[in-house]
Amino acid sequence: LNGDGRIARIVEKPAAPPSKLAVTGIYFYDHRVWEVLRTLEPSSRGELEITDVNNWYVEKGLMECDVLEGFWGDAGESVTAYYNVNDMVRAKGANRD
């Protein structure tokens, strides 16, 4: 985030993350998303990246975000990560400090 609390840029799977923030994958778009999607080209991974869509909105000053406090575990990363997140929720409960 920049000094005004707005998104400066979103980086897809960075080797060295520029912050401790993570994109959780919950998005809402307006009608312009279809125009943006038509302009996308595959990334080096050969995929169309939702990050490119999001960064289009960032560059236009149209992207907003909410920062949530607490822990985020990416249960979709691997089977091990899925079990680790489940163990944490079992031990501490969900949506509680």
PDB file of N, CA and C in Angstrom:
ATOM      1  N   LEU A   1       0.845  -1.182   0.000  1.00  0.00           N
ATOM      2  CA  LEU A   1       0.000   0.000   0.000  1.00  0.00           C
ATOM      3  C   LEU A   1       0.885   1.237   0.000  1.00  0.00           C
ATOM      4  N   ASN A   2       0.383   2.291  -0.637  1.00  0.00           N
ATOM      5  CA  ASN A   2       1.141   3.541  -0.628  1.00  0.00           C
ATOM      6  C   ASN A   2       0.827   4.321   0.653  1.00  0.00           C
ATOM      7  N   GLY A   3       1.353   5.519   0.769  1.00  0.00           N
ATOM      8  CA  GLY A   3       1.167   6.334   1.964  1.00  0.00           C
ATOM      9  C   GLY A   3      -0.267   6.736   2.231  1.00  0.00           C
ATOM     10  N   ASP A   4      -1.119   6.696   1.192  1.00  0.00           N
ATOM     11  CA  ASP A   4      -2.534   7.035   1.338  1.00  0.00           C
ATOM     12  C   ASP A   4      -3.398   5.817   1.648  1.00  0.00           C
ATOM     13  N   GLY A   5      -2.769   4.650   1.822  1.00  0.00           N
ATOM     14  CA  GLY A   5      -3.520   3.437   2.104  1.00  0.00           C
ATOM     15  C   GLY A   5      -4.151   2.807   0.878  1.00  0.00           C
ATOM     16  N   ARG A   6      -3.732   3.264  -0.310  1.00  0.00           N
ATOM     17  CA  ARG A   6      -4.247   2.688  -1.560  1.00  0.00           C
ATOM     18  C   ARG A   6      -3.237   1.682  -2.091  1.00  0.00           C
ATOM     19  N   ILE A   7      -3.711   0.784  -2.911  1.00  0.00           N
ATOM     20  CA  ILE A   7      -2.832  -0.226  -3.490  1.00  0.00           C
ATOM     21  C   ILE A   7      -1.876   0.445  -4.466  1.00  0.00           C
ATOM     22  N   ALA A   8      -0.580   0.183  -4.297  1.00  0.00           N
ATOM     23  CA  ALA A   8       0.426   0.718  -5.216  1.00  0.00           C
ATOM     24  C   ALA A   8       0.585  -0.214  -6.410  1.00  0.00           C
ATOM     25  N   ARG A   9       0.627  -1.508  -6.157  1.00  0.00           N
ATOM     26  CA  ARG A   9       0.803  -2.514  -7.207  1.00  0.00           C
ATOM     27  C   ARG A   9       0.614  -3.883  -6.577  1.00  0.00           C
ATOM     28  N   ILE A  10       0.095  -4.819  -7.342  1.00  0.00           N
ATOM     29  CA  ILE A  10      -0.055  -6.197  -6.888  1.00  0.00           C
ATOM     30  C   ILE A  10       0.974  -7.037  -7.630  1.00  0.00           C
ATOM     31  N   VAL A  11       1.703  -7.855  -6.884  1.00  0.00           N
ATOM     32  CA  VAL A  11       2.741  -8.704  -7.465  1.00  0.00           C
ATOM     33  C   VAL A  11       2.298 -10.158  -7.352  1.00  0.00           C
ATOM     34  N   GLU A  12       2.294 -10.871  -8.476  1.00  0.00           N
ATOM     35  CA  GLU A  12       1.870 -12.275  -8.522  1.00  0.00           C
ATOM     36  C   GLU A  12       2.984 -13.191  -8.035  1.00  0.00           C
ATOM     37  N   LYS A  13       2.725 -13.900  -6.957  1.00  0.00           N
ATOM     38  CA  LYS A  13       3.641 -14.906  -6.411  1.00  0.00           C
ATOM     39  C   LYS A  13       5.102 -14.445  -6.382  1.00  0.00           C
ATOM     40  N   PRO A  14       5.378 -13.357  -5.651  1.00  0.00           N
ATOM     41  CA  PRO A  14       6.752 -12.843  -5.622  1.00  0.00           C
ATOM     42  C   PRO A  14       7.697 -13.751  -4.836  1.00  0.00           C
ATOM     43  N   ALA A  15       8.931 -13.869  -5.307  1.00  0.00           N
ATOM     44  CA  ALA A  15       9.949 -14.636  -4.583  1.00  0.00           C
ATOM     45  C   ALA A  15      10.297 -13.925  -3.275  1.00  0.00           C
ATOM     46  N   ALA A  16      10.337 -12.598  -3.325  1.00  0.00           N
ATOM     47  CA  ALA A  16      10.611 -11.778  -2.142  1.00  0.00           C
ATOM     48  C   ALA A  16       9.457 -10.783  -1.998  1.00  0.00           C
ATOM     49  N   PRO A  17       8.416 -11.129  -1.230  1.00  0.00           N
ATOM     50  CA  PRO A  17       7.247 -10.250  -1.105  1.00  0.00           C
ATOM     51  C   PRO A  17       7.620  -8.845  -0.633  1.00  0.00           C
ATOM     52  N   PRO A  18       7.054  -7.805  -1.275  1.00  0.00           N
ATOM     53  CA  PRO A  18       7.357  -6.426  -0.894  1.00  0.00           C
ATOM     54  C   PRO A  18       6.656  -5.981   0.390  1.00  0.00           C
ATOM     55  N   SER A  19       5.722  -6.787   0.901  1.00  0.00           N
ATOM     56  CA  SER A  19       5.034  -6.461   2.152  1.00  0.00           C
ATOM     57  C   SER A  19       4.543  -7.760   2.779  1.00  0.00           C
ATOM     58  N   LYS A  20       3.913  -7.623   3.948  1.00  0.00           N
ATOM     59  CA  LYS A  20       3.343  -8.791   4.629  1.00  0.00           C
ATOM     60  C   LYS A  20       1.875  -8.988   4.274  1.00  0.00           C
ATOM     61  N   LEU A  21       1.372  -8.215   3.315  1.00  0.00           N
ATOM     62  CA  LEU A  21      -0.025  -8.307   2.910  1.00  0.00           C
ATOM     63  C   LEU A  21      -0.192  -9.379   1.838  1.00  0.00           C
ATOM     64  N   ALA A  22      -1.370  -9.980   1.793  1.00  0.00           N
ATOM     65  CA  ALA A  22      -1.673 -11.005   0.795  1.00  0.00           C
ATOM     66  C   ALA A  22      -3.013 -10.698   0.146  1.00  0.00           C
ATOM     67  N   VAL A  23      -3.145 -11.054  -1.112  1.00  0.00           N
ATOM     68  CA  VAL A  23      -4.422 -10.951  -1.817  1.00  0.00           C
ATOM     69  C   VAL A  23      -5.176 -12.248  -1.546  1.00  0.00           C
ATOM     70  N   THR A  24      -6.379 -12.130  -0.995  1.00  0.00           N
ATOM     71  CA  THR A  24      -7.125 -13.326  -0.614  1.00  0.00           C
ATOM     72  C   THR A  24      -8.000 -13.883  -1.719  1.00  0.00           C
ATOM     73  N   GLY A  25      -8.120 -13.163  -2.822  1.00  0.00           N
ATOM     74  CA  GLY A  25      -8.873 -13.687  -3.953  1.00  0.00           C
ATOM     75  C   GLY A  25     -10.359 -13.420  -3.904  1.00  0.00           C
ATOM     76  N   ILE A  26     -10.772 -12.354  -3.266  1.00  0.00           N
ATOM     77  CA  ILE A  26     -12.181 -11.981  -3.230  1.00  0.00           C
ATOM     78  C   ILE A  26     -12.307 -10.668  -4.004  1.00  0.00           C
ATOM     79  N   TYR A  27     -12.888 -10.735  -5.204  1.00  0.00           N
ATOM     80  CA  TYR A  27     -12.915  -9.577  -6.097  1.00  0.00           C
ATOM     81  C   TYR A  27     -14.342  -9.255  -6.542  1.00  0.00           C
ATOM     82  N   PHE A  28     -14.588  -7.963  -6.773  1.00  0.00           N
ATOM     83  CA  PHE A  28     -15.825  -7.490  -7.377  1.00  0.00           C
ATOM     84  C   PHE A  28     -15.427  -6.499  -8.465  1.00  0.00           C
ATOM     85  N   TYR A  29     -15.919  -6.702  -9.681  1.00  0.00           N
ATOM     86  CA  TYR A  29     -15.546  -5.850 -10.812  1.00  0.00           C
ATOM     87  C   TYR A  29     -16.773  -5.175 -11.415  1.00  0.00           C
ATOM     88  N   ASP A  30     -16.525  -4.046 -12.073  1.00  0.00           N
ATOM     89  CA  ASP A  30     -17.588  -3.388 -12.823  1.00  0.00           C
ATOM     90  C   ASP A  30     -17.578  -3.898 -14.265  1.00  0.00           C
ATOM     91  N   HIS A  31     -18.382  -3.296 -15.121  1.00  0.00           N
ATOM     92  CA  HIS A  31     -18.536  -3.755 -16.506  1.00  0.00           C
ATOM     93  C   HIS A  31     -17.255  -3.650 -17.329  1.00  0.00           C
ATOM     94  N   ARG A  32     -16.309  -2.810 -16.907  1.00  0.00           N
ATOM     95  CA  ARG A  32     -15.067  -2.632 -17.670  1.00  0.00           C
ATOM     96  C   ARG A  32     -14.177  -3.865 -17.662  1.00  0.00           C
ATOM     97  N   VAL A  33     -14.428  -4.798 -16.752  1.00  0.00           N
ATOM     98  CA  VAL A  33     -13.575  -5.987 -16.660  1.00  0.00           C
ATOM     99  C   VAL A  33     -13.546  -6.763 -17.977  1.00  0.00           C
ATOM    100  N   TRP A  34     -14.647  -6.766 -18.730  1.00  0.00           N
ATOM    101  CA  TRP A  34     -14.695  -7.509 -19.995  1.00  0.00           C
ATOM    102  C   TRP A  34     -13.757  -6.887 -21.020  1.00  0.00           C
ATOM    103  N   GLU A  35     -13.694  -5.566 -21.034  1.00  0.00           N
ATOM    104  CA  GLU A  35     -12.761  -4.861 -21.918  1.00  0.00           C
ATOM    105  C   GLU A  35     -11.313  -5.197 -21.535  1.00  0.00           C
ATOM    106  N   VAL A  36     -11.034  -5.188 -20.244  1.00  0.00           N
ATOM    107  CA  VAL A  36      -9.688  -5.492 -19.756  1.00  0.00           C
ATOM    108  C   VAL A  36      -9.308  -6.925 -20.111  1.00  0.00           C
ATOM    109  N   LEU A  37     -10.207  -7.864 -19.900  1.00  0.00           N
ATOM    110  CA  LEU A  37      -9.924  -9.276 -20.194  1.00  0.00           C
ATOM    111  C   LEU A  37      -9.556  -9.494 -21.656  1.00  0.00           C
ATOM    112  N   ARG A  38     -10.200  -8.761 -22.550  1.00  0.00           N
ATOM    113  CA  ARG A  38      -9.907  -8.918 -23.980  1.00  0.00           C
ATOM    114  C   ARG A  38      -8.498  -8.457 -24.342  1.00  0.00           C
ATOM    115  N   THR A  39      -7.881  -7.631 -23.501  1.00  0.00           N
ATOM    116  CA  THR A  39      -6.542  -7.111 -23.806  1.00  0.00           C
ATOM    117  C   THR A  39      -5.420  -7.950 -23.195  1.00  0.00           C
ATOM    118  N   LEU A  40      -5.755  -8.906 -22.352  1.00  0.00           N
ATOM    119  CA  LEU A  40      -4.720  -9.677 -21.654  1.00  0.00           C
ATOM    120  C   LEU A  40      -3.971 -10.610 -22.589  1.00  0.00           C
ATOM    121  N   GLU A  41      -2.696 -10.798 -22.278  1.00  0.00           N
ATOM    122  CA  GLU A  41      -1.868 -11.780 -22.969  1.00  0.00           C
ATOM    123  C   GLU A  41      -1.355 -12.757 -21.922  1.00  0.00           C
ATOM    124  N   PRO A  42      -1.121 -14.004 -22.307  1.00  0.00           N
ATOM    125  CA  PRO A  42      -0.630 -14.989 -21.337  1.00  0.00           C
ATOM    126  C   PRO A  42       0.691 -14.555 -20.692  1.00  0.00           C
ATOM    127  N   SER A  43       0.832 -14.898 -19.433  1.00  0.00           N
ATOM    128  CA  SER A  43       2.053 -14.603 -18.683  1.00  0.00           C
ATOM    129  C   SER A  43       3.146 -15.597 -19.062  1.00  0.00           C
ATOM    130  N   SER A  44       4.285 -15.484 -18.404  1.00  0.00           N
ATOM    131  CA  SER A  44       5.379 -16.428 -18.641  1.00  0.00           C
ATOM    132  C   SER A  44       4.977 -17.848 -18.255  1.00  0.00           C
ATOM    133  N   ARG A  45       3.935 -17.982 -17.419  1.00  0.00           N
ATOM    134  CA  ARG A  45       3.422 -19.307 -17.045  1.00  0.00           C
ATOM    135  C   ARG A  45       2.409 -19.824 -18.061  1.00  0.00           C
ATOM    136  N   GLY A  46       2.143 -19.004 -19.102  1.00  0.00           N
ATOM    137  CA  GLY A  46       1.187 -19.408 -20.129  1.00  0.00           C
ATOM    138  C   GLY A  46      -0.261 -19.226 -19.720  1.00  0.00           C
ATOM    139  N   GLU A  47      -0.504 -18.436 -18.681  1.00  0.00           N
ATOM    140  CA  GLU A  47      -1.856 -18.243 -18.162  1.00  0.00           C
ATOM    141  C   GLU A  47      -2.251 -16.772 -18.226  1.00  0.00           C
ATOM    142  N   LEU A  48      -3.547 -16.528 -18.327  1.00  0.00           N
ATOM    143  CA  LEU A  48      -4.066 -15.175 -18.130  1.00  0.00           C
ATOM    144  C   LEU A  48      -4.117 -14.966 -16.621  1.00  0.00           C
ATOM    145  N   GLU A  49      -3.558 -13.877 -16.163  1.00  0.00           N
ATOM    146  CA  GLU A  49      -3.419 -13.651 -14.721  1.00  0.00           C
ATOM    147  C   GLU A  49      -4.443 -12.640 -14.217  1.00  0.00           C
ATOM    148  N   ILE A  50      -5.173 -13.027 -13.178  1.00  0.00           N
ATOM    149  CA  ILE A  50      -6.127 -12.109 -12.564  1.00  0.00           C
ATOM    150  C   ILE A  50      -5.390 -10.895 -11.989  1.00  0.00           C
ATOM    151  N   THR A  51      -4.129 -11.070 -11.635  1.00  0.00           N
ATOM    152  CA  THR A  51      -3.322  -9.954 -11.138  1.00  0.00           C
ATOM    153  C   THR A  51      -3.210  -8.856 -12.182  1.00  0.00           C
ATOM    154  N   ASP A  52      -3.137  -9.219 -13.461  1.00  0.00           N
ATOM    155  CA  ASP A  52      -3.078  -8.206 -14.522  1.00  0.00           C
ATOM    156  C   ASP A  52      -4.378  -7.409 -14.588  1.00  0.00           C
ATOM    157  N   VAL A  53      -5.497  -8.081 -14.389  1.00  0.00           N
ATOM    158  CA  VAL A  53      -6.790  -7.382 -14.335  1.00  0.00           C
ATOM    159  C   VAL A  53      -6.785  -6.416 -13.153  1.00  0.00           C
ATOM    160  N   ASN A  54      -6.387  -6.920 -11.994  1.00  0.00           N
ATOM    161  CA  ASN A  54      -6.375  -6.082 -10.796  1.00  0.00           C
ATOM    162  C   ASN A  54      -5.449  -4.887 -10.956  1.00  0.00           C
ATOM    163  N   ASN A  55      -4.276  -5.092 -11.547  1.00  0.00           N
ATOM    164  CA  ASN A  55      -3.341  -3.980 -11.720  1.00  0.00           C
ATOM    165  C   ASN A  55      -3.851  -2.945 -12.716  1.00  0.00           C
ATOM    166  N   TRP A  56      -4.679  -3.344 -13.671  1.00  0.00           N
ATOM    167  CA  TRP A  56      -5.309  -2.365 -14.565  1.00  0.00           C
ATOM    168  C   TRP A  56      -6.158  -1.407 -13.729  1.00  0.00           C
ATOM    169  N   TYR A  57      -6.962  -1.975 -12.823  1.00  0.00           N
ATOM    170  CA  TYR A  57      -7.795  -1.148 -11.946  1.00  0.00           C
ATOM    171  C   TYR A  57      -6.937  -0.298 -11.002  1.00  0.00           C
ATOM    172  N   VAL A  58      -5.826  -0.855 -10.510  1.00  0.00           N
ATOM    173  CA  VAL A  58      -4.904  -0.093  -9.655  1.00  0.00           C
ATOM    174  C   VAL A  58      -4.366   1.107 -10.417  1.00  0.00           C
ATOM    175  N   GLU A  59      -3.881   0.876 -11.645  1.00  0.00           N
ATOM    176  CA  GLU A  59      -3.291   1.950 -12.451  1.00  0.00           C
ATOM    177  C   GLU A  59      -4.291   3.061 -12.764  1.00  0.00           C
ATOM    178  N   LYS A  60      -5.567   2.713 -12.886  1.00  0.00           N
ATOM    179  CA  LYS A  60      -6.607   3.713 -13.158  1.00  0.00           C
ATOM    180  C   LYS A  60      -7.109   4.385 -11.874  1.00  0.00           C
ATOM    181  N   GLY A  61      -6.603   3.958 -10.724  1.00  0.00           N
ATOM    182  CA  GLY A  61      -7.055   4.513  -9.450  1.00  0.00           C
ATOM    183  C   GLY A  61      -8.429   4.024  -9.045  1.00  0.00           C
ATOM    184  N   LEU A  62      -8.845   2.884  -9.578  1.00  0.00           N
ATOM    185  CA  LEU A  62     -10.192   2.368  -9.342  1.00  0.00           C
ATOM    186  C   LEU A  62     -10.243   1.194  -8.368  1.00  0.00           C
ATOM    187  N   MET A  63      -9.092   0.664  -7.982  1.00  0.00           N
ATOM    188  CA  MET A  63      -9.049  -0.503  -7.096  1.00  0.00           C
ATOM    189  C   MET A  63      -9.105  -0.040  -5.648  1.00  0.00           C
ATOM    190  N   GLU A  64      -9.963  -0.672  -4.883  1.00  0.00           N
ATOM    191  CA  GLU A  64     -10.052  -0.410  -3.450  1.00  0.00           C
ATOM    192  C   GLU A  64      -9.757  -1.703  -2.721  1.00  0.00           C
ATOM    193  N   CYS A  65      -9.362  -1.585  -1.461  1.00  0.00           N
ATOM    194  CA  CYS A  65      -9.076  -2.793  -0.691  1.00  0.00           C
ATOM    195  C   CYS A  65      -9.461  -2.588   0.765  1.00  0.00           C
ATOM    196  N   ASP A  66      -9.584  -3.681   1.458  1.00  0.00           N
ATOM    197  CA  ASP A  66      -9.750  -3.684   2.906  1.00  0.00           C
ATOM    198  C   ASP A  66      -8.648  -4.559   3.472  1.00  0.00           C
ATOM    199  N   VAL A  67      -7.994  -4.090   4.510  1.00  0.00           N
ATOM    200  CA  VAL A  67      -6.952  -4.871   5.167  1.00  0.00           C
ATOM    201  C   VAL A  67      -7.575  -5.531   6.385  1.00  0.00           C
ATOM    202  N   LEU A  68      -7.508  -6.841   6.428  1.00  0.00           N
ATOM    203  CA  LEU A  68      -8.053  -7.605   7.540  1.00  0.00           C
ATOM    204  C   LEU A  68      -6.919  -8.002   8.466  1.00  0.00           C
ATOM    205  N   GLU A  69      -7.158  -7.905   9.743  1.00  0.00           N
ATOM    206  CA  GLU A  69      -6.145  -8.275  10.731  1.00  0.00           C
ATOM    207  C   GLU A  69      -6.208  -9.776  10.993  1.00  0.00           C
ATOM    208  N   GLY A  70      -5.096 -10.332  11.392  1.00  0.00           N
ATOM    209  CA  GLY A  70      -5.073 -11.730  11.782  1.00  0.00           C
ATOM    210  C   GLY A  70      -4.278 -12.591  10.827  1.00  0.00           C
ATOM    211  N   PHE A  71      -4.512 -13.879  10.916  1.00  0.00           N
ATOM    212  CA  PHE A  71      -3.755 -14.867  10.155  1.00  0.00           C
ATOM    213  C   PHE A  71      -4.491 -15.255   8.886  1.00  0.00           C
ATOM    214  N   TRP A  72      -3.730 -15.455   7.822  1.00  0.00           N
ATOM    215  CA  TRP A  72      -4.291 -15.984   6.581  1.00  0.00           C
ATOM    216  C   TRP A  72      -3.459 -17.178   6.184  1.00  0.00           C
ATOM    217  N   GLY A  73      -4.089 -18.308   5.993  1.00  0.00           N
ATOM    218  CA  GLY A  73      -3.385 -19.500   5.534  1.00  0.00           C
ATOM    219  C   GLY A  73      -3.924 -19.906   4.184  1.00  0.00           C
ATOM    220  N   ASP A  74      -3.053 -20.096   3.220  1.00  0.00           N
ATOM    221  CA  ASP A  74      -3.458 -20.472   1.867  1.00  0.00           C
ATOM    222  C   ASP A  74      -3.676 -21.974   1.798  1.00  0.00           C
ATOM    223  N   ALA A  75      -4.908 -22.395   2.034  1.00  0.00           N
ATOM    224  CA  ALA A  75      -5.234 -23.820   2.034  1.00  0.00           C
ATOM    225  C   ALA A  75      -5.178 -24.416   0.642  1.00  0.00           C
ATOM    226  N   GLY A  76      -5.097 -23.594  -0.392  1.00  0.00           N
ATOM    227  CA  GLY A  76      -5.029 -24.096  -1.756  1.00  0.00           C
ATOM    228  C   GLY A  76      -3.614 -24.285  -2.270  1.00  0.00           C
ATOM    229  N   GLU A  77      -2.629 -23.949  -1.460  1.00  0.00           N
ATOM    230  CA  GLU A  77      -1.222 -24.024  -1.882  1.00  0.00           C
ATOM    231  C   GLU A  77      -0.753 -25.462  -2.075  1.00  0.00           C
ATOM    232  N   SER A  78      -1.115 -26.333  -1.151  1.00  0.00           N
ATOM    233  CA  SER A  78      -0.706 -27.735  -1.213  1.00  0.00           C
ATOM    234  C   SER A  78      -1.556 -28.519  -0.227  1.00  0.00           C
ATOM    235  N   VAL A  79      -1.478 -29.825  -0.299  1.00  0.00           N
ATOM    236  CA  VAL A  79      -2.214 -30.665   0.652  1.00  0.00           C
ATOM    237  C   VAL A  79      -1.694 -30.402   2.062  1.00  0.00           C
ATOM    238  N   THR A  80      -0.385 -30.261   2.200  1.00  0.00           N
ATOM    239  CA  THR A  80       0.202 -29.981   3.514  1.00  0.00           C
ATOM    240  C   THR A  80      -0.313 -28.656   4.062  1.00  0.00           C
ATOM    241  N   ALA A  81      -0.354 -27.623   3.227  1.00  0.00           N
ATOM    242  CA  ALA A  81      -0.864 -26.320   3.667  1.00  0.00           C
ATOM    243  C   ALA A  81      -2.328 -26.434   4.080  1.00  0.00           C
ATOM    244  N   TYR A  82      -3.104 -27.202   3.328  1.00  0.00           N
ATOM    245  CA  TYR A  82      -4.517 -27.419   3.657  1.00  0.00           C
ATOM    246  C   TYR A  82      -4.643 -28.021   5.054  1.00  0.00           C
ATOM    247  N   TYR A  83      -3.867 -29.056   5.343  1.00  0.00           N
ATOM    248  CA  TYR A  83      -3.918 -29.692   6.661  1.00  0.00           C
ATOM    249  C   TYR A  83      -3.416 -28.751   7.754  1.00  0.00           C
ATOM    250  N   ASN A  84      -2.384 -27.968   7.459  1.00  0.00           N
ATOM    251  CA  ASN A  84      -1.872 -27.017   8.454  1.00  0.00           C
ATOM    252  C   ASN A  84      -2.923 -25.975   8.817  1.00  0.00           C
ATOM    253  N   VAL A  85      -3.629 -25.448   7.816  1.00  0.00           N
ATOM    254  CA  VAL A  85      -4.683 -24.464   8.083  1.00  0.00           C
ATOM    255  C   VAL A  85      -5.810 -25.113   8.881  1.00  0.00           C
ATOM    256  N   ASN A  86      -6.192 -26.326   8.517  1.00  0.00           N
ATOM    257  CA  ASN A  86      -7.230 -27.032   9.265  1.00  0.00           C
ATOM    258  C   ASN A  86      -6.818 -27.263  10.713  1.00  0.00           C
ATOM    259  N   ASP A  87      -5.566 -27.656  10.939  1.00  0.00           N
ATOM    260  CA  ASP A  87      -5.073 -27.858  12.305  1.00  0.00           C
ATOM    261  C   ASP A  87      -5.141 -26.563  13.104  1.00  0.00           C
ATOM    262  N   MET A  88      -4.757 -25.441  12.470  1.00  0.00           N
ATOM    263  CA  MET A  88      -4.789 -24.158  13.156  1.00  0.00           C
ATOM    264  C   MET A  88      -6.225 -23.776  13.529  1.00  0.00           C
ATOM    265  N   VAL A  89      -7.158 -23.955  12.602  1.00  0.00           N
ATOM    266  CA  VAL A  89      -8.558 -23.614  12.882  1.00  0.00           C
ATOM    267  C   VAL A  89      -9.109 -24.517  13.979  1.00  0.00           C
ATOM    268  N   ARG A  90      -8.759 -25.795  13.942  1.00  0.00           N
ATOM    269  CA  ARG A  90      -9.207 -26.719  14.986  1.00  0.00           C
ATOM    270  C   ARG A  90      -8.671 -26.288  16.352  1.00  0.00           C
ATOM    271  N   ALA A  91      -7.426 -25.851  16.406  1.00  0.00           N
ATOM    272  CA  ALA A  91      -6.798 -25.487  17.675  1.00  0.00           C
ATOM    273  C   ALA A  91      -7.263 -24.131  18.197  1.00  0.00           C
ATOM    274  N   LYS A  92      -7.419 -23.160  17.311  1.00  0.00           N
ATOM    275  CA  LYS A  92      -7.703 -21.780  17.740  1.00  0.00           C
ATOM    276  C   LYS A  92      -9.113 -21.318  17.433  1.00  0.00           C
ATOM    277  N   GLY A  93      -9.808 -21.994  16.535  1.00  0.00           N
ATOM    278  CA  GLY A  93     -11.120 -21.548  16.107  1.00  0.00           C
ATOM    279  C   GLY A  93     -11.003 -20.588  14.940  1.00  0.00           C
ATOM    280  N   ALA A  94     -12.068 -20.450  14.212  1.00  0.00           N
ATOM    281  CA  ALA A  94     -12.085 -19.559  13.049  1.00  0.00           C
ATOM    282  C   ALA A  94     -12.630 -18.199  13.452  1.00  0.00           C
ATOM    283  N   ASN A  95     -12.086 -17.151  12.842  1.00  0.00           N
ATOM    284  CA  ASN A  95     -12.584 -15.782  13.009  1.00  0.00           C
ATOM    285  C   ASN A  95     -12.571 -15.302  14.453  1.00  0.00           C
ATOM    286  N   ARG A  96     -11.587 -15.777  15.205  1.00  0.00           N
ATOM    287  CA  ARG A  96     -11.416 -15.315  16.589  1.00  0.00           C
ATOM    288  C   ARG A  96      -9.943 -15.033  16.811  1.00  0.00           C
ATOM    289  N   ASP A  97      -9.663 -14.132  17.721  1.00  0.00           N
ATOM    290  CA  ASP A  97      -8.265 -13.841  18.087  1.00  0.00           C
ATOM    291  C   ASP A  97      -7.776 -14.864  19.081  1.00  0.00           C
TER     292      ASP A  97
END
